[in-house]
């Protein structure tokens, strides 16, 4: 049932011209920063963006944003991983 409810929510959001974005940040985002992020994502997608913000200290810094099947990872944790992988392969 949860899968059916989630898919219904996606369809309803699509009809209403909105998209949900799950954002994880290393630190609490101020309301003004959340609004700025929501506005930028709305500009990019052309849809109303509903933000779901969660604090995740393991990210060290930055944020990770998931909208639908797209993940934008700007976290320090990911940057360090990429640097490590780059150093290992070179």
N, C-alpha and C. Protein backbone atom coordinates (compact mmCIF):
# COMPACT_ATOMS: atom_id res chain seq x y z
N UNK A 1 0.80 -1.22 0.00
CA UNK A 1 0.00 0.00 0.00
C UNK A 1 0.84 1.28 0.00
N UNK A 2 1.95 1.34 0.75
CA UNK A 2 2.74 2.58 0.73
C UNK A 2 3.24 2.93 -0.67
N UNK A 3 3.60 1.94 -1.46
CA UNK A 3 4.07 2.19 -2.83
C UNK A 3 2.98 2.76 -3.70
N UNK A 4 1.77 2.27 -3.52
CA UNK A 4 0.63 2.77 -4.29
C UNK A 4 0.33 4.22 -3.89
N UNK A 5 0.35 4.49 -2.60
CA UNK A 5 0.10 5.85 -2.12
C UNK A 5 1.16 6.81 -2.62
N UNK A 6 2.42 6.37 -2.63
CA UNK A 6 3.50 7.23 -3.11
C UNK A 6 3.34 7.52 -4.60
N UNK A 7 3.00 6.52 -5.39
CA UNK A 7 2.81 6.73 -6.82
C UNK A 7 1.62 7.65 -7.09
N UNK A 8 0.55 7.50 -6.32
CA UNK A 8 -0.61 8.39 -6.45
C UNK A 8 -0.20 9.83 -6.16
N UNK A 9 0.63 10.02 -5.13
CA UNK A 9 1.09 11.36 -4.78
C UNK A 9 1.90 11.97 -5.93
N UNK A 10 2.76 11.18 -6.56
CA UNK A 10 3.56 11.65 -7.69
C UNK A 10 2.64 12.09 -8.83
N UNK A 11 1.64 11.28 -9.12
CA UNK A 11 0.69 11.62 -10.20
C UNK A 11 -0.11 12.88 -9.87
N UNK A 12 -0.56 12.99 -8.63
CA UNK A 12 -1.33 14.17 -8.21
C UNK A 12 -0.46 15.42 -8.28
N UNK A 13 0.80 15.31 -7.85
CA UNK A 13 1.71 16.45 -7.92
C UNK A 13 1.94 16.87 -9.36
N UNK A 14 2.09 15.90 -10.26
CA UNK A 14 2.31 16.19 -11.67
C UNK A 14 1.14 16.95 -12.27
N UNK A 15 -0.07 16.52 -11.93
CA UNK A 15 -1.27 17.19 -12.43
C UNK A 15 -1.35 18.63 -11.92
N UNK A 16 -0.91 18.85 -10.69
CA UNK A 16 -0.96 20.18 -10.08
C UNK A 16 0.26 21.03 -10.41
N UNK A 17 1.20 20.48 -11.19
CA UNK A 17 2.38 21.24 -11.60
C UNK A 17 3.38 21.47 -10.48
N UNK A 18 3.54 20.48 -9.65
CA UNK A 18 4.51 20.62 -8.56
C UNK A 18 5.37 19.37 -8.47
N UNK A 19 6.50 19.52 -7.79
CA UNK A 19 7.43 18.42 -7.60
C UNK A 19 7.95 18.50 -6.17
N UNK A 20 8.23 17.34 -5.60
CA UNK A 20 8.75 17.29 -4.23
C UNK A 20 10.26 17.11 -4.29
N UNK A 21 10.95 17.84 -3.44
CA UNK A 21 12.41 17.75 -3.36
C UNK A 21 12.79 17.39 -1.94
N UNK A 22 13.52 16.29 -1.79
CA UNK A 22 14.04 15.89 -0.49
C UNK A 22 15.47 16.42 -0.40
N UNK A 23 15.70 17.28 0.59
CA UNK A 23 17.00 17.92 0.75
C UNK A 23 17.58 17.51 2.09
N UNK A 24 18.82 17.03 2.04
CA UNK A 24 19.56 16.71 3.26
C UNK A 24 20.71 17.70 3.36
N UNK A 25 20.86 18.31 4.53
CA UNK A 25 21.91 19.29 4.74
C UNK A 25 22.71 18.92 5.98
N UNK A 26 23.96 19.37 6.00
CA UNK A 26 24.81 19.10 7.16
C UNK A 26 24.38 19.92 8.36
N UNK A 27 23.82 21.09 8.11
CA UNK A 27 23.39 22.00 9.17
C UNK A 27 21.96 22.45 8.91
N UNK A 28 21.31 22.95 9.94
CA UNK A 28 19.96 23.47 9.77
C UNK A 28 19.99 24.64 8.79
N UNK A 29 19.04 24.64 7.86
CA UNK A 29 18.92 25.76 6.91
C UNK A 29 17.96 26.80 7.48
N UNK A 30 18.39 28.05 7.44
CA UNK A 30 17.52 29.14 7.87
C UNK A 30 16.33 29.21 6.93
N UNK A 31 15.20 29.70 7.41
CA UNK A 31 14.03 29.80 6.54
C UNK A 31 14.30 30.58 5.25
N UNK A 32 15.10 31.64 5.32
CA UNK A 32 15.42 32.42 4.12
C UNK A 32 16.21 31.58 3.12
N UNK A 33 17.13 30.76 3.61
CA UNK A 33 17.93 29.89 2.74
C UNK A 33 17.05 28.81 2.11
N UNK A 34 16.10 28.28 2.88
CA UNK A 34 15.17 27.29 2.34
C UNK A 34 14.33 27.91 1.23
N UNK A 35 13.87 29.12 1.44
CA UNK A 35 13.05 29.80 0.43
C UNK A 35 13.86 30.08 -0.83
N UNK A 36 15.12 30.49 -0.65
CA UNK A 36 15.98 30.75 -1.81
C UNK A 36 16.22 29.47 -2.60
N UNK A 37 16.47 28.37 -1.91
CA UNK A 37 16.67 27.08 -2.56
C UNK A 37 15.41 26.65 -3.29
N UNK A 38 14.26 26.79 -2.63
CA UNK A 38 12.98 26.43 -3.26
C UNK A 38 12.75 27.24 -4.52
N UNK A 39 13.05 28.55 -4.46
CA UNK A 39 12.85 29.43 -5.61
C UNK A 39 13.76 29.03 -6.78
N UNK A 40 15.02 28.71 -6.49
CA UNK A 40 15.96 28.29 -7.55
C UNK A 40 15.51 26.98 -8.19
N UNK A 41 15.09 26.03 -7.36
CA UNK A 41 14.63 24.76 -7.90
C UNK A 41 13.36 24.94 -8.72
N UNK A 42 12.49 25.82 -8.29
CA UNK A 42 11.27 26.12 -9.06
C UNK A 42 11.62 26.73 -10.40
N UNK A 43 12.61 27.61 -10.40
CA UNK A 43 13.06 28.25 -11.64
C UNK A 43 13.61 27.20 -12.61
N UNK A 44 14.38 26.27 -12.10
CA UNK A 44 15.00 25.23 -12.93
C UNK A 44 13.96 24.26 -13.48
N UNK A 45 13.02 23.85 -12.64
CA UNK A 45 12.04 22.84 -13.04
C UNK A 45 10.83 23.41 -13.74
N UNK A 46 10.54 24.68 -13.49
CA UNK A 46 9.33 25.27 -14.04
C UNK A 46 8.08 24.82 -13.29
N UNK A 47 8.28 24.25 -12.12
CA UNK A 47 7.16 23.76 -11.31
C UNK A 47 7.26 24.31 -9.90
N UNK A 48 6.16 24.24 -9.18
CA UNK A 48 6.18 24.57 -7.76
C UNK A 48 6.94 23.46 -7.04
N UNK A 49 7.89 23.83 -6.21
CA UNK A 49 8.70 22.84 -5.50
C UNK A 49 8.29 22.80 -4.03
N UNK A 50 8.01 21.60 -3.55
CA UNK A 50 7.70 21.38 -2.15
C UNK A 50 8.94 20.78 -1.50
N UNK A 51 9.56 21.53 -0.60
CA UNK A 51 10.80 21.09 0.04
C UNK A 51 10.54 20.25 1.27
N UNK A 52 11.28 19.18 1.39
CA UNK A 52 11.31 18.38 2.61
C UNK A 52 12.77 18.39 3.06
N UNK A 53 13.09 19.14 4.11
CA UNK A 53 14.48 19.34 4.54
C UNK A 53 14.78 18.47 5.76
N UNK A 54 15.93 17.80 5.70
CA UNK A 54 16.36 16.93 6.79
C UNK A 54 17.83 17.21 7.09
N UNK A 55 18.17 17.25 8.36
CA UNK A 55 19.55 17.47 8.77
C UNK A 55 20.29 16.13 8.81
N UNK A 56 21.49 16.10 8.19
CA UNK A 56 22.32 14.89 8.16
C UNK A 56 23.77 15.31 8.38
N UNK A 57 24.22 15.24 9.61
CA UNK A 57 25.56 15.71 9.96
C UNK A 57 26.66 14.91 9.30
N UNK A 58 26.37 13.71 8.81
CA UNK A 58 27.40 12.89 8.17
C UNK A 58 27.86 13.50 6.84
N UNK A 59 27.12 14.47 6.32
CA UNK A 59 27.50 15.11 5.05
C UNK A 59 28.69 16.05 5.22
N UNK A 60 29.02 16.42 6.42
CA UNK A 60 30.11 17.32 6.78
C UNK A 60 29.79 18.76 6.40
N UNK A 61 29.34 18.99 5.20
CA UNK A 61 28.97 20.32 4.71
C UNK A 61 28.21 20.17 3.41
N UNK A 62 27.63 21.23 2.91
CA UNK A 62 26.89 21.18 1.66
C UNK A 62 25.52 20.55 1.81
N UNK A 63 24.99 20.06 0.67
CA UNK A 63 23.66 19.44 0.70
C UNK A 63 23.51 18.43 -0.41
N UNK A 64 22.50 17.58 -0.25
CA UNK A 64 22.12 16.59 -1.26
C UNK A 64 20.63 16.82 -1.53
N UNK A 65 20.29 16.95 -2.81
CA UNK A 65 18.90 17.20 -3.20
C UNK A 65 18.44 16.09 -4.13
N UNK A 66 17.28 15.51 -3.84
CA UNK A 66 16.69 14.48 -4.68
C UNK A 66 15.31 14.95 -5.14
N UNK A 67 15.14 14.99 -6.46
CA UNK A 67 13.84 15.32 -7.05
C UNK A 67 13.53 14.25 -8.07
N UNK A 68 12.51 13.47 -7.78
CA UNK A 68 12.19 12.36 -8.67
C UNK A 68 13.37 11.41 -8.74
N UNK A 69 13.85 11.13 -9.93
CA UNK A 69 14.98 10.23 -10.09
C UNK A 69 16.31 10.95 -10.19
N UNK A 70 16.33 12.25 -9.97
CA UNK A 70 17.55 13.04 -10.09
C UNK A 70 18.12 13.34 -8.71
N UNK A 71 19.43 13.09 -8.55
CA UNK A 71 20.11 13.39 -7.29
C UNK A 71 21.23 14.38 -7.59
N UNK A 72 21.23 15.50 -6.87
CA UNK A 72 22.29 16.49 -6.98
C UNK A 72 23.03 16.48 -5.65
N UNK A 73 24.28 16.00 -5.69
CA UNK A 73 25.06 15.82 -4.47
C UNK A 73 26.17 16.86 -4.41
N UNK A 74 25.98 17.89 -3.61
CA UNK A 74 26.98 18.92 -3.42
C UNK A 74 27.57 18.86 -2.02
N UNK A 75 27.61 17.67 -1.45
CA UNK A 75 28.09 17.52 -0.08
C UNK A 75 29.62 17.43 -0.05
N UNK A 76 30.20 17.86 1.05
CA UNK A 76 31.64 17.73 1.25
C UNK A 76 32.01 16.25 1.29
N UNK A 77 31.18 15.44 1.91
CA UNK A 77 31.43 13.99 1.98
C UNK A 77 31.62 13.42 0.58
N UNK A 78 30.77 13.79 -0.37
CA UNK A 78 30.85 13.29 -1.74
C UNK A 78 32.09 13.85 -2.44
N UNK A 79 32.40 15.11 -2.21
CA UNK A 79 33.58 15.70 -2.83
C UNK A 79 34.86 15.01 -2.35
N UNK A 80 34.92 14.69 -1.06
CA UNK A 80 36.08 13.98 -0.53
C UNK A 80 36.18 12.57 -1.11
N UNK A 81 35.04 11.91 -1.27
CA UNK A 81 35.01 10.57 -1.88
C UNK A 81 35.53 10.64 -3.31
N UNK A 82 35.06 11.63 -4.08
CA UNK A 82 35.50 11.78 -5.46
C UNK A 82 37.00 12.07 -5.54
N UNK A 83 37.50 12.91 -4.62
CA UNK A 83 38.93 13.21 -4.58
C UNK A 83 39.73 11.94 -4.28
N UNK A 84 39.27 11.17 -3.30
CA UNK A 84 39.95 9.91 -2.95
C UNK A 84 39.96 8.95 -4.15
N UNK A 85 38.81 8.81 -4.80
CA UNK A 85 38.72 7.91 -5.96
C UNK A 85 39.66 8.38 -7.08
N UNK A 86 39.75 9.68 -7.29
CA UNK A 86 40.62 10.26 -8.30
C UNK A 86 42.08 9.98 -8.00
N UNK A 87 42.45 10.10 -6.72
CA UNK A 87 43.84 9.87 -6.33
C UNK A 87 44.21 8.38 -6.45
N UNK A 88 43.28 7.51 -6.21
CA UNK A 88 43.53 6.07 -6.30
C UNK A 88 43.73 5.64 -7.74
N UNK A 89 42.92 6.19 -8.66
CA UNK A 89 42.98 5.78 -10.06
C UNK A 89 44.11 6.44 -10.83
N UNK A 90 44.68 7.51 -10.29
CA UNK A 90 45.78 8.20 -11.01
C UNK A 90 47.11 7.81 -10.48
